[in-house]
Amino acid sequence: MNSGDKPLVWLHGEVKTPPFSTTARVETGILLRRLQKGEQLSLPNPRPMPSIAPRCHELRINDENTIWRIVYRIDSDAIIILDVFKKKTNKTPNRIIELCKRRLRDYES
């Protein structure tokens, strides 16, 4: 990591093989690295999540038989990882949204 890169702050979850396939783990690493370098990712990978907070996004990772989501917030000094979960429906579950909001509140206090 270069001195200008933003660190990843993991509040919950991890990306490892298993349960991620090696291919999905590598793709996730590449996308997170691009975020650390300050690059703005474009659709279809991220999706804004203003229902959680400003600057929050849901990163989409398509795996072999699973769709993973990584909820994160871009801060001026870090990328905050709020959750990693399997996506089973088109809509992000309300419990995930509420957990992410609580984790941000706890992180900020």
PDB file of N, CA and C in Angstrom:
ATOM      1  N   MET A   1       0.847  -1.171   0.000  1.00  0.00           N
ATOM      2  CA  MET A   1       0.000   0.000   0.000  1.00  0.00           C
ATOM      3  C   MET A   1       0.891   1.233   0.000  1.00  0.00           C
ATOM      4  N   ASN A   2       0.623   2.157  -0.902  1.00  0.00           N
ATOM      5  CA  ASN A   2       1.365   3.405  -0.967  1.00  0.00           C
ATOM      6  C   ASN A   2       0.879   4.349   0.111  1.00  0.00           C
ATOM      7  N   SER A   3       1.687   5.330   0.451  1.00  0.00           N
ATOM      8  CA  SER A   3       1.332   6.245   1.540  1.00  0.00           C
ATOM      9  C   SER A   3       0.065   7.042   1.245  1.00  0.00           C
ATOM     10  N   GLY A   4      -0.290   7.259  -0.009  1.00  0.00           N
ATOM     11  CA  GLY A   4      -1.493   8.007  -0.357  1.00  0.00           C
ATOM     12  C   GLY A   4      -2.753   7.156  -0.428  1.00  0.00           C
ATOM     13  N   ASP A   5      -2.599   5.848  -0.303  1.00  0.00           N
ATOM     14  CA  ASP A   5      -3.750   4.956  -0.387  1.00  0.00           C
ATOM     15  C   ASP A   5      -4.541   4.965   0.914  1.00  0.00           C
ATOM     16  N   LYS A   6      -5.849   4.825   0.789  1.00  0.00           N
ATOM     17  CA  LYS A   6      -6.716   4.774   1.967  1.00  0.00           C
ATOM     18  C   LYS A   6      -6.704   3.360   2.549  1.00  0.00           C
ATOM     19  N   PRO A   7      -6.583   3.238   3.860  1.00  0.00           N
ATOM     20  CA  PRO A   7      -6.660   1.897   4.457  1.00  0.00           C
ATOM     21  C   PRO A   7      -8.096   1.377   4.444  1.00  0.00           C
ATOM     22  N   LEU A   8      -8.229   0.060   4.513  1.00  0.00           N
ATOM     23  CA  LEU A   8      -9.529  -0.574   4.677  1.00  0.00           C
ATOM     24  C   LEU A   8      -9.755  -0.757   6.168  1.00  0.00           C
ATOM     25  N   VAL A   9     -10.910  -0.320   6.651  1.00  0.00           N
ATOM     26  CA  VAL A   9     -11.288  -0.501   8.053  1.00  0.00           C
ATOM     27  C   VAL A   9     -12.462  -1.468   8.055  1.00  0.00           C
ATOM     28  N   TRP A  10     -12.229  -2.677   8.555  1.00  0.00           N
ATOM     29  CA  TRP A  10     -13.247  -3.735   8.544  1.00  0.00           C
ATOM     30  C   TRP A  10     -14.043  -3.679   9.836  1.00  0.00           C
ATOM     31  N   LEU A  11     -15.297  -3.246   9.768  1.00  0.00           N
ATOM     32  CA  LEU A  11     -16.168  -3.254  10.930  1.00  0.00           C
ATOM     33  C   LEU A  11     -16.884  -4.597  11.071  1.00  0.00           C
ATOM     34  N   HIS A  12     -17.026  -5.310   9.958  1.00  0.00           N
ATOM     35  CA  HIS A  12     -17.669  -6.624   9.994  1.00  0.00           C
ATOM     36  C   HIS A  12     -17.379  -7.376   8.703  1.00  0.00           C
ATOM     37  N   GLY A  13     -17.205  -8.687   8.821  1.00  0.00           N
ATOM     38  CA  GLY A  13     -17.043  -9.534   7.654  1.00  0.00           C
ATOM     39  C   GLY A  13     -15.600  -9.672   7.222  1.00  0.00           C
ATOM     40  N   GLU A  14     -15.398 -10.584   6.290  1.00  0.00           N
ATOM     41  CA  GLU A  14     -14.086 -10.807   5.708  1.00  0.00           C
ATOM     42  C   GLU A  14     -14.276 -11.460   4.345  1.00  0.00           C
ATOM     43  N   VAL A  15     -13.223 -11.428   3.561  1.00  0.00           N
ATOM     44  CA  VAL A  15     -13.251 -12.016   2.228  1.00  0.00           C
ATOM     45  C   VAL A  15     -12.143 -13.052   2.188  1.00  0.00           C
ATOM     46  N   LYS A  16     -12.523 -14.328   2.244  1.00  0.00           N
ATOM     47  CA  LYS A  16     -11.523 -15.387   2.188  1.00  0.00           C
ATOM     48  C   LYS A  16     -12.088 -16.585   1.437  1.00  0.00           C
ATOM     49  N   THR A  17     -11.193 -17.470   1.034  1.00  0.00           N
ATOM     50  CA  THR A  17     -11.583 -18.676   0.319  1.00  0.00           C
ATOM     51  C   THR A  17     -11.352 -19.868   1.239  1.00  0.00           C
ATOM     52  N   PRO A  18     -12.413 -20.720   1.459  1.00  0.00           N
ATOM     53  CA  PRO A  18     -13.818 -20.470   1.223  1.00  0.00           C
ATOM     54  C   PRO A  18     -14.367 -19.491   2.260  1.00  0.00           C
ATOM     55  N   PRO A  19     -15.539 -18.953   2.126  1.00  0.00           N
ATOM     56  CA  PRO A  19     -16.621 -19.316   1.225  1.00  0.00           C
ATOM     57  C   PRO A  19     -16.531 -18.673  -0.157  1.00  0.00           C
ATOM     58  N   PHE A  20     -15.786 -17.574  -0.313  1.00  0.00           N
ATOM     59  CA  PHE A  20     -15.602 -16.998  -1.652  1.00  0.00           C
ATOM     60  C   PHE A  20     -14.770 -17.970  -2.482  1.00  0.00           C
ATOM     61  N   SER A  21     -15.068 -18.063  -3.767  1.00  0.00           N
ATOM     62  CA  SER A  21     -14.173 -18.817  -4.642  1.00  0.00           C
ATOM     63  C   SER A  21     -12.886 -17.995  -4.784  1.00  0.00           C
ATOM     64  N   THR A  22     -11.830 -18.633  -5.216  1.00  0.00           N
ATOM     65  CA  THR A  22     -10.565 -17.913  -5.411  1.00  0.00           C
ATOM     66  C   THR A  22     -10.744 -16.778  -6.408  1.00  0.00           C
ATOM     67  N   THR A  23     -11.481 -17.031  -7.479  1.00  0.00           N
ATOM     68  CA  THR A  23     -11.716 -16.005  -8.503  1.00  0.00           C
ATOM     69  C   THR A  23     -12.455 -14.803  -7.919  1.00  0.00           C
ATOM     70  N   ALA A  24     -13.498 -15.054  -7.132  1.00  0.00           N
ATOM     71  CA  ALA A  24     -14.274 -13.961  -6.530  1.00  0.00           C
ATOM     72  C   ALA A  24     -13.438 -13.195  -5.511  1.00  0.00           C
ATOM     73  N   ARG A  25     -12.612 -13.906  -4.751  1.00  0.00           N
ATOM     74  CA  ARG A  25     -11.755 -13.247  -3.766  1.00  0.00           C
ATOM     75  C   ARG A  25     -10.760 -12.323  -4.465  1.00  0.00           C
ATOM     76  N   VAL A  26     -10.176 -12.794  -5.561  1.00  0.00           N
ATOM     77  CA  VAL A  26      -9.222 -11.970  -6.311  1.00  0.00           C
ATOM     78  C   VAL A  26      -9.925 -10.751  -6.902  1.00  0.00           C
ATOM     79  N   GLU A  27     -11.108 -10.951  -7.499  1.00  0.00           N
ATOM     80  CA  GLU A  27     -11.870  -9.824  -8.051  1.00  0.00           C
ATOM     81  C   GLU A  27     -12.183  -8.794  -6.958  1.00  0.00           C
ATOM     82  N   THR A  28     -12.591  -9.280  -5.793  1.00  0.00           N
ATOM     83  CA  THR A  28     -12.887  -8.391  -4.673  1.00  0.00           C
ATOM     84  C   THR A  28     -11.651  -7.597  -4.276  1.00  0.00           C
ATOM     85  N   GLY A  29     -10.514  -8.279  -4.192  1.00  0.00           N
ATOM     86  CA  GLY A  29      -9.268  -7.596  -3.841  1.00  0.00           C
ATOM     87  C   GLY A  29      -8.908  -6.501  -4.829  1.00  0.00           C
ATOM     88  N   ILE A  30      -9.091  -6.779  -6.100  1.00  0.00           N
ATOM     89  CA  ILE A  30      -8.787  -5.784  -7.143  1.00  0.00           C
ATOM     90  C   ILE A  30      -9.705  -4.574  -7.005  1.00  0.00           C
ATOM     91  N   LEU A  31     -11.008  -4.815  -6.815  1.00  0.00           N
ATOM     92  CA  LEU A  31     -11.956  -3.699  -6.692  1.00  0.00           C
ATOM     93  C   LEU A  31     -11.693  -2.881  -5.435  1.00  0.00           C
ATOM     94  N   LEU A  32     -11.421  -3.537  -4.316  1.00  0.00           N
ATOM     95  CA  LEU A  32     -11.125  -2.799  -3.080  1.00  0.00           C
ATOM     96  C   LEU A  32      -9.826  -2.005  -3.221  1.00  0.00           C
ATOM     97  N   ARG A  33      -8.853  -2.570  -3.898  1.00  0.00           N
ATOM     98  CA  ARG A  33      -7.585  -1.863  -4.119  1.00  0.00           C
ATOM     99  C   ARG A  33      -7.808  -0.603  -4.946  1.00  0.00           C
ATOM    100  N   ARG A  34      -8.659  -0.700  -5.967  1.00  0.00           N
ATOM    101  CA  ARG A  34      -8.967   0.479  -6.787  1.00  0.00           C
ATOM    102  C   ARG A  34      -9.624   1.565  -5.933  1.00  0.00           C
ATOM    103  N   LEU A  35     -10.514   1.162  -5.024  1.00  0.00           N
ATOM    104  CA  LEU A  35     -11.136   2.131  -4.120  1.00  0.00           C
ATOM    105  C   LEU A  35     -10.089   2.771  -3.217  1.00  0.00           C
ATOM    106  N   GLN A  36      -9.162   1.973  -2.711  1.00  0.00           N
ATOM    107  CA  GLN A  36      -8.110   2.505  -1.848  1.00  0.00           C
ATOM    108  C   GLN A  36      -7.277   3.565  -2.559  1.00  0.00           C
ATOM    109  N   LYS A  37      -7.087   3.393  -3.839  1.00  0.00           N
ATOM    110  CA  LYS A  37      -6.294   4.347  -4.623  1.00  0.00           C
ATOM    111  C   LYS A  37      -7.091   5.595  -5.002  1.00  0.00           C
ATOM    112  N   GLY A  38      -8.386   5.635  -4.619  1.00  0.00           N
ATOM    113  CA  GLY A  38      -9.201   6.811  -4.884  1.00  0.00           C
ATOM    114  C   GLY A  38      -9.986   6.754  -6.177  1.00  0.00           C
ATOM    115  N   GLU A  39      -9.967   5.626  -6.857  1.00  0.00           N
ATOM    116  CA  GLU A  39     -10.692   5.484  -8.113  1.00  0.00           C
ATOM    117  C   GLU A  39     -12.192   5.359  -7.841  1.00  0.00           C
ATOM    118  N   GLN A  40     -12.978   6.006  -8.665  1.00  0.00           N
ATOM    119  CA  GLN A  40     -14.434   5.882  -8.580  1.00  0.00           C
ATOM    120  C   GLN A  40     -14.853   4.718  -9.461  1.00  0.00           C
ATOM    121  N   LEU A  41     -15.438   3.698  -8.864  1.00  0.00           N
ATOM    122  CA  LEU A  41     -15.912   2.549  -9.634  1.00  0.00           C
ATOM    123  C   LEU A  41     -17.246   2.901 -10.285  1.00  0.00           C
ATOM    124  N   SER A  42     -17.536   2.248 -11.408  1.00  0.00           N
ATOM    125  CA  SER A  42     -18.798   2.519 -12.104  1.00  0.00           C
ATOM    126  C   SER A  42     -19.651   1.249 -12.129  1.00  0.00           C
ATOM    127  N   LEU A  43     -20.929   1.439 -12.424  1.00  0.00           N
ATOM    128  CA  LEU A  43     -21.847   0.311 -12.519  1.00  0.00           C
ATOM    129  C   LEU A  43     -21.314  -0.685 -13.536  1.00  0.00           C
ATOM    130  N   PRO A  44     -21.490  -1.956 -13.357  1.00  0.00           N
ATOM    131  CA  PRO A  44     -22.441  -2.606 -12.473  1.00  0.00           C
ATOM    132  C   PRO A  44     -21.876  -2.983 -11.108  1.00  0.00           C
ATOM    133  N   ASN A  45     -20.585  -2.747 -10.845  1.00  0.00           N
ATOM    134  CA  ASN A  45     -20.019  -3.210  -9.583  1.00  0.00           C
ATOM    135  C   ASN A  45     -20.582  -2.514  -8.344  1.00  0.00           C
ATOM    136  N   PRO A  46     -20.483  -1.195  -8.221  1.00  0.00           N
ATOM    137  CA  PRO A  46     -21.046  -0.571  -7.022  1.00  0.00           C
ATOM    138  C   PRO A  46     -22.449  -0.036  -7.277  1.00  0.00           C
ATOM    139  N   ARG A  47     -23.180   0.068  -6.205  1.00  0.00           N
ATOM    140  CA  ARG A  47     -24.497   0.688  -6.266  1.00  0.00           C
ATOM    141  C   ARG A  47     -24.606   1.594  -5.043  1.00  0.00           C
ATOM    142  N   PRO A  48     -25.016   2.849  -5.215  1.00  0.00           N
ATOM    143  CA  PRO A  48     -25.145   3.746  -4.065  1.00  0.00           C
ATOM    144  C   PRO A  48     -26.159   3.214  -3.058  1.00  0.00           C
ATOM    145  N   MET A  49     -25.881   3.435  -1.792  1.00  0.00           N
ATOM    146  CA  MET A  49     -26.777   3.000  -0.716  1.00  0.00           C
ATOM    147  C   MET A  49     -27.094   4.189   0.207  1.00  0.00           C
ATOM    148  N   PRO A  50     -27.778   5.220  -0.319  1.00  0.00           N
ATOM    149  CA  PRO A  50     -28.087   6.385   0.526  1.00  0.00           C
ATOM    150  C   PRO A  50     -29.019   6.043   1.677  1.00  0.00           C
ATOM    151  N   SER A  51     -29.695   4.895   1.619  1.00  0.00           N
ATOM    152  CA  SER A  51     -30.573   4.494   2.727  1.00  0.00           C
ATOM    153  C   SER A  51     -29.761   4.188   3.986  1.00  0.00           C
ATOM    154  N   ILE A  52     -28.463   3.932   3.832  1.00  0.00           N
ATOM    155  CA  ILE A  52     -27.599   3.694   4.997  1.00  0.00           C
ATOM    156  C   ILE A  52     -27.009   5.022   5.457  1.00  0.00           C
ATOM    157  N   ALA A  53     -26.338   5.711   4.548  1.00  0.00           N
ATOM    158  CA  ALA A  53     -25.716   7.006   4.863  1.00  0.00           C
ATOM    159  C   ALA A  53     -25.104   7.558   3.577  1.00  0.00           C
ATOM    160  N   PRO A  54     -24.781   8.846   3.570  1.00  0.00           N
ATOM    161  CA  PRO A  54     -24.070   9.395   2.406  1.00  0.00           C
ATOM    162  C   PRO A  54     -22.745   8.663   2.203  1.00  0.00           C
ATOM    163  N   ARG A  55     -22.308   8.554   0.970  1.00  0.00           N
ATOM    164  CA  ARG A  55     -21.037   7.936   0.571  1.00  0.00           C
ATOM    165  C   ARG A  55     -20.995   6.428   0.787  1.00  0.00           C
ATOM    166  N   CYS A  56     -22.154   5.813   1.072  1.00  0.00           N
ATOM    167  CA  CYS A  56     -22.220   4.352   1.232  1.00  0.00           C
ATOM    168  C   CYS A  56     -22.581   3.695  -0.094  1.00  0.00           C
ATOM    169  N   HIS A  57     -22.004   2.528  -0.316  1.00  0.00           N
ATOM    170  CA  HIS A  57     -22.213   1.779  -1.547  1.00  0.00           C
ATOM    171  C   HIS A  57     -22.272   0.293  -1.234  1.00  0.00           C
ATOM    172  N   GLU A  58     -22.840  -0.436  -2.180  1.00  0.00           N
ATOM    173  CA  GLU A  58     -22.889  -1.890  -2.106  1.00  0.00           C
ATOM    174  C   GLU A  58     -22.103  -2.417  -3.299  1.00  0.00           C
ATOM    175  N   LEU A  59     -21.005  -3.111  -3.038  1.00  0.00           N
ATOM    176  CA  LEU A  59     -20.166  -3.669  -4.092  1.00  0.00           C
ATOM    177  C   LEU A  59     -20.692  -5.044  -4.467  1.00  0.00           C
ATOM    178  N   ARG A  60     -20.904  -5.275  -5.737  1.00  0.00           N
ATOM    179  CA  ARG A  60     -21.483  -6.527  -6.242  1.00  0.00           C
ATOM    180  C   ARG A  60     -20.363  -7.453  -6.708  1.00  0.00           C
ATOM    181  N   ILE A  61     -20.346  -8.676  -6.147  1.00  0.00           N
ATOM    182  CA  ILE A  61     -19.372  -9.687  -6.548  1.00  0.00           C
ATOM    183  C   ILE A  61     -20.151 -10.942  -6.953  1.00  0.00           C
ATOM    184  N   ASN A  62     -20.103 -11.283  -8.230  1.00  0.00           N
ATOM    185  CA  ASN A  62     -20.765 -12.498  -8.703  1.00  0.00           C
ATOM    186  C   ASN A  62     -19.789 -13.655  -8.601  1.00  0.00           C
ATOM    187  N   ASP A  63     -20.169 -14.645  -7.799  1.00  0.00           N
ATOM    188  CA  ASP A  63     -19.358 -15.836  -7.604  1.00  0.00           C
ATOM    189  C   ASP A  63     -19.999 -16.981  -8.369  1.00  0.00           C
ATOM    190  N   GLU A  64     -19.452 -18.176  -8.249  1.00  0.00           N
ATOM    191  CA  GLU A  64     -19.940 -19.324  -9.009  1.00  0.00           C
ATOM    192  C   GLU A  64     -21.455 -19.510  -8.875  1.00  0.00           C
ATOM    193  N   ASN A  65     -21.940 -19.757  -7.677  1.00  0.00           N
ATOM    194  CA  ASN A  65     -23.373 -19.946  -7.449  1.00  0.00           C
ATOM    195  C   ASN A  65     -23.909 -18.993  -6.389  1.00  0.00           C
ATOM    196  N   THR A  66     -23.158 -17.970  -6.092  1.00  0.00           N
ATOM    197  CA  THR A  66     -23.509 -17.039  -5.027  1.00  0.00           C
ATOM    198  C   THR A  66     -23.276 -15.617  -5.502  1.00  0.00           C
ATOM    199  N   ILE A  67     -24.109 -14.726  -5.039  1.00  0.00           N
ATOM    200  CA  ILE A  67     -23.889 -13.303  -5.281  1.00  0.00           C
ATOM    201  C   ILE A  67     -23.535 -12.687  -3.927  1.00  0.00           C
ATOM    202  N   TRP A  68     -22.346 -12.112  -3.852  1.00  0.00           N
ATOM    203  CA  TRP A  68     -21.871 -11.482  -2.623  1.00  0.00           C
ATOM    204  C   TRP A  68     -22.071  -9.982  -2.701  1.00  0.00           C
ATOM    205  N   ARG A  69     -22.253  -9.377  -1.550  1.00  0.00           N
ATOM    206  CA  ARG A  69     -22.314  -7.923  -1.449  1.00  0.00           C
ATOM    207  C   ARG A  69     -21.378  -7.476  -0.335  1.00  0.00           C
ATOM    208  N   ILE A  70     -20.703  -6.382  -0.605  1.00  0.00           N
ATOM    209  CA  ILE A  70     -19.861  -5.741   0.395  1.00  0.00           C
ATOM    210  C   ILE A  70     -20.361  -4.314   0.529  1.00  0.00           C
ATOM    211  N   VAL A  71     -20.846  -3.972   1.711  1.00  0.00           N
ATOM    212  CA  VAL A  71     -21.339  -2.619   1.958  1.00  0.00           C
ATOM    213  C   VAL A  71     -20.176  -1.820   2.542  1.00  0.00           C
ATOM    214  N   TYR A  72     -19.907  -0.665   1.943  1.00  0.00           N
ATOM    215  CA  TYR A  72     -18.778   0.147   2.381  1.00  0.00           C
ATOM    216  C   TYR A  72     -19.126   1.632   2.295  1.00  0.00           C
ATOM    217  N   ARG A  73     -18.332   2.434   3.018  1.00  0.00           N
ATOM    218  CA  ARG A  73     -18.447   3.884   2.929  1.00  0.00           C
ATOM    219  C   ARG A  73     -17.077   4.444   2.602  1.00  0.00           C
ATOM    220  N   ILE A  74     -17.070   5.433   1.724  1.00  0.00           N
ATOM    221  CA  ILE A  74     -15.827   6.094   1.348  1.00  0.00           C
ATOM    222  C   ILE A  74     -15.671   7.341   2.205  1.00  0.00           C
ATOM    223  N   ASP A  75     -14.680   7.329   3.077  1.00  0.00           N
ATOM    224  CA  ASP A  75     -14.337   8.494   3.889  1.00  0.00           C
ATOM    225  C   ASP A  75     -13.103   9.159   3.288  1.00  0.00           C
ATOM    226  N   SER A  76     -12.784  10.340   3.756  1.00  0.00           N
ATOM    227  CA  SER A  76     -11.621  11.042   3.213  1.00  0.00           C
ATOM    228  C   SER A  76     -10.320  10.331   3.561  1.00  0.00           C
ATOM    229  N   ASP A  77     -10.325   9.568   4.661  1.00  0.00           N
ATOM    230  CA  ASP A  77      -9.091   8.929   5.120  1.00  0.00           C
ATOM    231  C   ASP A  77      -9.117   7.405   5.108  1.00  0.00           C
ATOM    232  N   ALA A  78     -10.242   6.779   4.728  1.00  0.00           N
ATOM    233  CA  ALA A  78     -10.335   5.314   4.766  1.00  0.00           C
ATOM    234  C   ALA A  78     -11.546   4.819   3.982  1.00  0.00           C
ATOM    235  N   ILE A  79     -11.523   3.533   3.679  1.00  0.00           N
ATOM    236  CA  ILE A  79     -12.690   2.828   3.137  1.00  0.00           C
ATOM    237  C   ILE A  79     -13.213   1.983   4.291  1.00  0.00           C
ATOM    238  N   ILE A  80     -14.431   2.253   4.734  1.00  0.00           N
ATOM    239  CA  ILE A  80     -15.016   1.575   5.882  1.00  0.00           C
ATOM    240  C   ILE A  80     -15.887   0.421   5.381  1.00  0.00           C
ATOM    241  N   ILE A  81     -15.519  -0.820   5.711  1.00  0.00           N
ATOM    242  CA  ILE A  81     -16.297  -2.001   5.323  1.00  0.00           C
ATOM    243  C   ILE A  81     -17.321  -2.260   6.428  1.00  0.00           C
ATOM    244  N   LEU A  82     -18.599  -2.159   6.070  1.00  0.00           N
ATOM    245  CA  LEU A  82     -19.677  -2.300   7.048  1.00  0.00           C
ATOM    246  C   LEU A  82     -20.227  -3.712   7.125  1.00  0.00           C
ATOM    247  N   ASP A  83     -20.235  -4.452   6.012  1.00  0.00           N
ATOM    248  CA  ASP A  83     -20.765  -5.809   6.025  1.00  0.00           C
ATOM    249  C   ASP A  83     -20.378  -6.537   4.749  1.00  0.00           C
ATOM    250  N   VAL A  84     -20.310  -7.853   4.855  1.00  0.00           N
ATOM    251  CA  VAL A  84     -20.115  -8.758   3.725  1.00  0.00           C
ATOM    252  C   VAL A  84     -21.178  -9.832   3.873  1.00  0.00           C
ATOM    253  N   PHE A  85     -21.991 -10.027   2.831  1.00  0.00           N
ATOM    254  CA  PHE A  85     -23.071 -11.002   2.952  1.00  0.00           C
ATOM    255  C   PHE A  85     -23.454 -11.573   1.595  1.00  0.00           C
ATOM    256  N   LYS A  86     -24.140 -12.734   1.639  1.00  0.00           N
ATOM    257  CA  LYS A  86     -24.691 -13.342   0.431  1.00  0.00           C
ATOM    258  C   LYS A  86     -25.994 -12.639   0.106  1.00  0.00           C
ATOM    259  N   LYS A  87     -26.145 -12.269  -1.133  1.00  0.00           N
ATOM    260  CA  LYS A  87     -27.379 -11.624  -1.575  1.00  0.00           C
ATOM    261  C   LYS A  87     -28.314 -12.700  -2.096  1.00  0.00           C
ATOM    262  N   LYS A  88     -29.502 -12.783  -1.505  1.00  0.00           N
ATOM    263  CA  LYS A  88     -30.451 -13.832  -1.889  1.00  0.00           C
ATOM    264  C   LYS A  88     -31.683 -13.273  -2.585  1.00  0.00           C
ATOM    265  N   THR A  89     -31.902 -11.960  -2.480  1.00  0.00           N
ATOM    266  CA  THR A  89     -33.050 -11.335  -3.123  1.00  0.00           C
ATOM    267  C   THR A  89     -32.571 -10.072  -3.840  1.00  0.00           C
ATOM    268  N   ASN A  90     -33.456  -9.463  -4.619  1.00  0.00           N
ATOM    269  CA  ASN A  90     -33.090  -8.230  -5.327  1.00  0.00           C
ATOM    270  C   ASN A  90     -32.919  -7.052  -4.378  1.00  0.00           C
ATOM    271  N   LYS A  91     -33.616  -7.073  -3.278  1.00  0.00           N
ATOM    272  CA  LYS A  91     -33.584  -5.957  -2.344  1.00  0.00           C
ATOM    273  C   LYS A  91     -32.656  -6.291  -1.174  1.00  0.00           C
ATOM    274  N   THR A  92     -31.872  -5.305  -0.742  1.00  0.00           N
ATOM    275  CA  THR A  92     -31.028  -5.498   0.435  1.00  0.00           C
ATOM    276  C   THR A  92     -31.933  -5.622   1.656  1.00  0.00           C
ATOM    277  N   PRO A  93     -31.774  -6.681   2.445  1.00  0.00           N
ATOM    278  CA  PRO A  93     -32.638  -6.868   3.610  1.00  0.00           C
ATOM    279  C   PRO A  93     -32.554  -5.695   4.592  1.00  0.00           C
ATOM    280  N   ASN A  94     -33.699  -5.324   5.159  1.00  0.00           N
ATOM    281  CA  ASN A  94     -33.736  -4.215   6.115  1.00  0.00           C
ATOM    282  C   ASN A  94     -32.817  -4.450   7.301  1.00  0.00           C
ATOM    283  N   ARG A  95     -32.683  -5.700   7.728  1.00  0.00           N
ATOM    284  CA  ARG A  95     -31.814  -5.965   8.880  1.00  0.00           C
ATOM    285  C   ARG A  95     -30.359  -5.634   8.553  1.00  0.00           C
ATOM    286  N   ILE A  96     -29.933  -5.847   7.310  1.00  0.00           N
ATOM    287  CA  ILE A  96     -28.570  -5.488   6.901  1.00  0.00           C
ATOM    288  C   ILE A  96     -28.408  -3.972   6.909  1.00  0.00           C
ATOM    289  N   ILE A  97     -29.392  -3.268   6.388  1.00  0.00           N
ATOM    290  CA  ILE A  97     -29.347  -1.799   6.366  1.00  0.00           C
ATOM    291  C   ILE A  97     -29.256  -1.256   7.786  1.00  0.00           C
ATOM    292  N   GLU A  98     -30.079  -1.778   8.680  1.00  0.00           N
ATOM    293  CA  GLU A  98     -30.070  -1.308  10.075  1.00  0.00           C
ATOM    294  C   GLU A  98     -28.758  -1.657  10.778  1.00  0.00           C
ATOM    295  N   LEU A  99     -28.226  -2.855  10.532  1.00  0.00           N
ATOM    296  CA  LEU A  99     -26.931  -3.230  11.124  1.00  0.00           C
ATOM    297  C   LEU A  99     -25.820  -2.298  10.647  1.00  0.00           C
ATOM    298  N   CYS A 100     -25.826  -1.965   9.372  1.00  0.00           N
ATOM    299  CA  CYS A 100     -24.803  -1.065   8.826  1.00  0.00           C
ATOM    300  C   CYS A 100     -24.921   0.329   9.443  1.00  0.00           C
ATOM    301  N   LYS A 101     -26.140   0.814   9.608  1.00  0.00           N
ATOM    302  CA  LYS A 101     -26.346   2.118  10.241  1.00  0.00           C
ATOM    303  C   LYS A 101     -25.803   2.113  11.668  1.00  0.00           C
ATOM    304  N   ARG A 102     -26.091   1.027  12.394  1.00  0.00           N
ATOM    305  CA  ARG A 102     -25.621   0.931  13.786  1.00  0.00           C
ATOM    306  C   ARG A 102     -24.100   0.860  13.835  1.00  0.00           C
ATOM    307  N   ARG A 103     -23.508   0.082  12.956  1.00  0.00           N
ATOM    308  CA  ARG A 103     -22.044  -0.011  12.929  1.00  0.00           C
ATOM    309  C   ARG A 103     -21.400   1.339  12.645  1.00  0.00           C
ATOM    310  N   LEU A 104     -22.000   2.120  11.742  1.00  0.00           N
ATOM    311  CA  LEU A 104     -21.468   3.461  11.471  1.00  0.00           C
ATOM    312  C   LEU A 104     -21.595   4.366  12.680  1.00  0.00           C
ATOM    313  N   ARG A 105     -22.756   4.318  13.348  1.00  0.00           N
ATOM    314  CA  ARG A 105     -22.932   5.130  14.562  1.00  0.00           C
ATOM    315  C   ARG A 105     -21.884   4.759  15.615  1.00  0.00           C
ATOM    316  N   ASP A 106     -21.691   3.464  15.818  1.00  0.00           N
ATOM    317  CA  ASP A 106     -20.698   3.011  16.805  1.00  0.00           C
ATOM    318  C   ASP A 106     -19.294   3.429  16.388  1.00  0.00           C
ATOM    319  N   TYR A 107     -18.982   3.335  15.120  1.00  0.00           N
ATOM    320  CA  TYR A 107     -17.658   3.709  14.616  1.00  0.00           C
ATOM    321  C   TYR A 107     -17.390   5.199  14.808  1.00  0.00           C
ATOM    322  N   GLU A 108     -18.411   6.018  14.573  1.00  0.00           N
ATOM    323  CA  GLU A 108     -18.244   7.466  14.661  1.00  0.00           C
ATOM    324  C   GLU A 108     -18.196   7.977  16.090  1.00  0.00           C
ATOM    325  N   SER A 109     -18.697   7.189  17.037  1.00  0.00           N
ATOM    326  CA  SER A 109     -18.695   7.681  18.436  1.00  0.00           C
ATOM    327  C   SER A 109     -17.466   7.270  19.197  1.00  0.00           C
TER     328      SER A 109
END
